[in-house]
N, C-alpha and C. Protein backbone atom coordinates (compact mmCIF):
# COMPACT_ATOMS: atom_id res chain seq x y z
N MET A 1 5.99 21.68 -6.88
CA MET A 1 6.87 21.31 -5.79
C MET A 1 6.52 19.89 -5.35
N CYS A 2 7.52 19.09 -5.15
CA CYS A 2 7.32 17.71 -4.69
C CYS A 2 7.63 17.64 -3.21
N LEU A 3 6.87 16.82 -2.52
CA LEU A 3 7.06 16.67 -1.10
C LEU A 3 7.03 15.19 -0.75
N ALA A 4 8.03 14.74 -0.04
CA ALA A 4 8.06 13.37 0.47
C ALA A 4 8.14 13.47 1.99
N ILE A 5 7.41 12.60 2.66
CA ILE A 5 7.35 12.67 4.12
C ILE A 5 7.74 11.34 4.75
N PRO A 6 8.35 11.36 5.92
CA PRO A 6 8.67 10.11 6.61
C PRO A 6 7.45 9.60 7.37
N LEU A 7 7.19 8.33 7.22
CA LEU A 7 6.13 7.66 7.97
C LEU A 7 6.67 6.34 8.50
N MET A 8 6.13 5.90 9.63
CA MET A 8 6.46 4.59 10.17
C MET A 8 5.43 3.61 9.65
N ILE A 9 5.88 2.44 9.21
CA ILE A 9 4.96 1.42 8.75
C ILE A 9 4.25 0.83 9.98
N ALA A 10 2.93 1.00 10.04
CA ALA A 10 2.16 0.52 11.19
C ALA A 10 1.47 -0.81 10.92
N GLU A 11 1.08 -1.05 9.67
CA GLU A 11 0.42 -2.29 9.27
C GLU A 11 0.83 -2.62 7.85
N ILE A 12 0.89 -3.92 7.54
CA ILE A 12 1.22 -4.36 6.19
C ILE A 12 0.22 -5.42 5.77
N ASN A 13 -0.28 -5.28 4.53
CA ASN A 13 -1.15 -6.28 3.93
C ASN A 13 -0.72 -6.40 2.46
N GLY A 14 0.24 -7.27 2.19
CA GLY A 14 0.80 -7.38 0.84
C GLY A 14 1.59 -6.12 0.52
N ASN A 15 1.28 -5.48 -0.60
CA ASN A 15 1.94 -4.22 -0.96
C ASN A 15 1.18 -3.01 -0.44
N ASP A 16 0.03 -3.23 0.18
CA ASP A 16 -0.70 -2.14 0.83
C ASP A 16 -0.25 -2.04 2.28
N ALA A 17 -0.23 -0.83 2.79
CA ALA A 17 0.20 -0.65 4.18
C ALA A 17 -0.46 0.60 4.75
N ILE A 18 -0.31 0.74 6.04
CA ILE A 18 -0.70 1.95 6.75
C ILE A 18 0.57 2.57 7.30
N GLY A 19 0.81 3.83 6.93
CA GLY A 19 1.92 4.58 7.47
C GLY A 19 1.40 5.55 8.51
N GLU A 20 2.20 5.83 9.53
CA GLU A 20 1.73 6.67 10.63
C GLU A 20 2.78 7.70 11.01
N ARG A 21 2.30 8.89 11.35
CA ARG A 21 3.15 9.95 11.89
C ARG A 21 2.32 10.79 12.84
N SER A 22 2.74 10.88 14.06
CA SER A 22 2.08 11.73 15.06
C SER A 22 0.59 11.42 15.18
N GLY A 23 0.25 10.13 15.12
CA GLY A 23 -1.14 9.72 15.27
C GLY A 23 -1.98 9.81 14.00
N ILE A 24 -1.41 10.34 12.92
CA ILE A 24 -2.12 10.42 11.65
C ILE A 24 -1.73 9.21 10.82
N ARG A 25 -2.73 8.50 10.30
CA ARG A 25 -2.50 7.28 9.54
C ARG A 25 -2.91 7.50 8.09
N ARG A 26 -2.10 6.96 7.17
CA ARG A 26 -2.34 7.09 5.74
C ARG A 26 -2.13 5.74 5.06
N LYS A 27 -2.93 5.49 4.04
CA LYS A 27 -2.72 4.32 3.20
C LYS A 27 -1.50 4.59 2.31
N ILE A 28 -0.61 3.62 2.24
CA ILE A 28 0.56 3.75 1.37
C ILE A 28 0.77 2.44 0.63
N ARG A 29 1.59 2.50 -0.41
CA ARG A 29 1.97 1.32 -1.16
C ARG A 29 3.45 1.03 -0.92
N LEU A 30 3.78 -0.26 -0.90
CA LEU A 30 5.15 -0.69 -0.60
C LEU A 30 5.84 -1.35 -1.80
N ASP A 31 5.36 -1.10 -3.00
CA ASP A 31 5.88 -1.76 -4.20
C ASP A 31 7.39 -1.61 -4.37
N PHE A 32 7.97 -0.51 -3.92
CA PHE A 32 9.39 -0.23 -4.15
C PHE A 32 10.28 -0.58 -2.96
N ILE A 33 9.71 -1.14 -1.91
CA ILE A 33 10.48 -1.48 -0.71
C ILE A 33 10.57 -2.99 -0.58
N GLU A 34 11.80 -3.50 -0.58
CA GLU A 34 12.00 -4.94 -0.47
C GLU A 34 11.90 -5.38 0.99
N ASN A 35 11.11 -6.39 1.25
CA ASN A 35 10.93 -6.96 2.59
C ASN A 35 10.63 -5.92 3.67
N PRO A 36 9.57 -5.14 3.49
CA PRO A 36 9.23 -4.13 4.50
C PRO A 36 8.79 -4.78 5.81
N LYS A 37 9.00 -4.07 6.90
CA LYS A 37 8.62 -4.58 8.22
C LYS A 37 7.89 -3.51 9.00
N VAL A 38 6.91 -3.94 9.78
CA VAL A 38 6.20 -3.03 10.68
C VAL A 38 7.23 -2.41 11.63
N GLY A 39 7.11 -1.10 11.83
CA GLY A 39 8.03 -0.38 12.70
C GLY A 39 9.14 0.34 11.96
N GLU A 40 9.36 -0.02 10.69
CA GLU A 40 10.38 0.67 9.90
C GLU A 40 9.85 2.01 9.42
N TYR A 41 10.77 2.93 9.20
CA TYR A 41 10.42 4.23 8.64
C TYR A 41 10.72 4.24 7.15
N VAL A 42 9.83 4.89 6.40
CA VAL A 42 10.01 5.03 4.97
C VAL A 42 9.70 6.47 4.56
N ILE A 43 10.28 6.87 3.44
CA ILE A 43 9.93 8.16 2.84
C ILE A 43 8.79 7.88 1.87
N VAL A 44 7.71 8.66 1.97
CA VAL A 44 6.53 8.44 1.14
C VAL A 44 6.31 9.65 0.24
N HIS A 45 6.13 9.36 -1.05
CA HIS A 45 5.82 10.39 -2.03
C HIS A 45 4.66 9.89 -2.89
N ALA A 46 3.63 10.71 -3.01
CA ALA A 46 2.46 10.38 -3.83
C ALA A 46 1.86 9.03 -3.45
N GLY A 47 1.92 8.71 -2.16
CA GLY A 47 1.30 7.48 -1.67
C GLY A 47 2.16 6.24 -1.76
N PHE A 48 3.38 6.37 -2.29
CA PHE A 48 4.28 5.24 -2.42
C PHE A 48 5.49 5.42 -1.52
N ALA A 49 5.83 4.37 -0.78
CA ALA A 49 7.07 4.36 -0.02
C ALA A 49 8.19 4.20 -1.04
N ILE A 50 9.12 5.16 -1.06
CA ILE A 50 10.16 5.14 -2.08
C ILE A 50 11.54 4.82 -1.54
N GLU A 51 11.70 4.85 -0.21
CA GLU A 51 13.02 4.61 0.36
C GLU A 51 12.89 4.35 1.85
N ARG A 52 13.73 3.46 2.37
CA ARG A 52 13.82 3.25 3.81
C ARG A 52 14.55 4.44 4.43
N LEU A 53 14.26 4.67 5.71
CA LEU A 53 14.90 5.76 6.43
C LEU A 53 15.25 5.25 7.83
N GLY A 54 16.45 5.54 8.28
CA GLY A 54 16.84 5.12 9.63
C GLY A 54 15.99 5.82 10.68
N ALA A 55 15.79 5.17 11.81
CA ALA A 55 14.92 5.70 12.86
C ALA A 55 15.38 7.07 13.35
N ASP A 56 16.67 7.25 13.57
CA ASP A 56 17.17 8.54 14.06
C ASP A 56 16.92 9.66 13.05
N GLU A 57 17.20 9.38 11.78
CA GLU A 57 16.98 10.37 10.74
C GLU A 57 15.49 10.69 10.59
N ALA A 58 14.66 9.66 10.66
CA ALA A 58 13.21 9.86 10.55
C ALA A 58 12.69 10.70 11.71
N LYS A 59 13.12 10.40 12.91
CA LYS A 59 12.65 11.15 14.08
C LYS A 59 13.10 12.60 14.02
N ALA A 60 14.32 12.85 13.55
CA ALA A 60 14.80 14.22 13.40
C ALA A 60 13.98 14.97 12.35
N SER A 61 13.67 14.31 11.25
CA SER A 61 12.88 14.92 10.19
C SER A 61 11.45 15.21 10.66
N ILE A 62 10.87 14.29 11.40
CA ILE A 62 9.52 14.48 11.94
C ILE A 62 9.51 15.63 12.93
N ALA A 63 10.52 15.70 13.80
CA ALA A 63 10.59 16.79 14.78
C ALA A 63 10.71 18.14 14.06
N ALA A 64 11.51 18.21 13.01
CA ALA A 64 11.66 19.46 12.26
C ALA A 64 10.35 19.86 11.59
N ALA A 65 9.65 18.89 11.02
CA ALA A 65 8.36 19.17 10.38
C ALA A 65 7.34 19.66 11.40
N GLU A 66 7.33 19.05 12.57
CA GLU A 66 6.39 19.47 13.62
C GLU A 66 6.71 20.89 14.10
N GLU A 67 7.99 21.23 14.15
CA GLU A 67 8.39 22.58 14.55
C GLU A 67 7.88 23.61 13.54
N VAL A 68 8.03 23.30 12.26
CA VAL A 68 7.53 24.20 11.21
C VAL A 68 6.01 24.31 11.30
N GLU A 69 5.33 23.18 11.49
CA GLU A 69 3.87 23.20 11.61
C GLU A 69 3.42 24.05 12.79
N ASP A 70 4.11 23.94 13.92
CA ASP A 70 3.77 24.75 15.10
C ASP A 70 3.92 26.24 14.81
N GLU A 71 4.99 26.61 14.11
CA GLU A 71 5.21 28.02 13.78
C GLU A 71 4.14 28.51 12.80
N LEU A 72 3.77 27.68 11.85
CA LEU A 72 2.73 28.09 10.89
C LEU A 72 1.38 28.30 11.56
N ARG A 73 1.10 27.54 12.61
CA ARG A 73 -0.16 27.70 13.34
C ARG A 73 -0.22 29.06 14.05
N LYS A 74 0.94 29.64 14.35
CA LYS A 74 0.99 30.93 15.04
C LYS A 74 0.68 32.11 14.12
N LEU A 75 0.74 31.89 12.82
CA LEU A 75 0.51 32.98 11.86
C LEU A 75 -0.95 33.37 11.79
């Protein structure tokens, strides 16, 4: 199963970056994103940002993931 997650670009250093979601930060690569900017949302798979994502869509996706995570914690 493949999983891609939305992260906000928090820092950029060349093609290396830090993506963030809910206070969790991850190293990511930006090789496939043209002219990335801090504050943009991207879909990340296997450590690579593979696509830009609009802020509204990213926030909705993050909220849905957090809802699932909350329910899983109850099990």
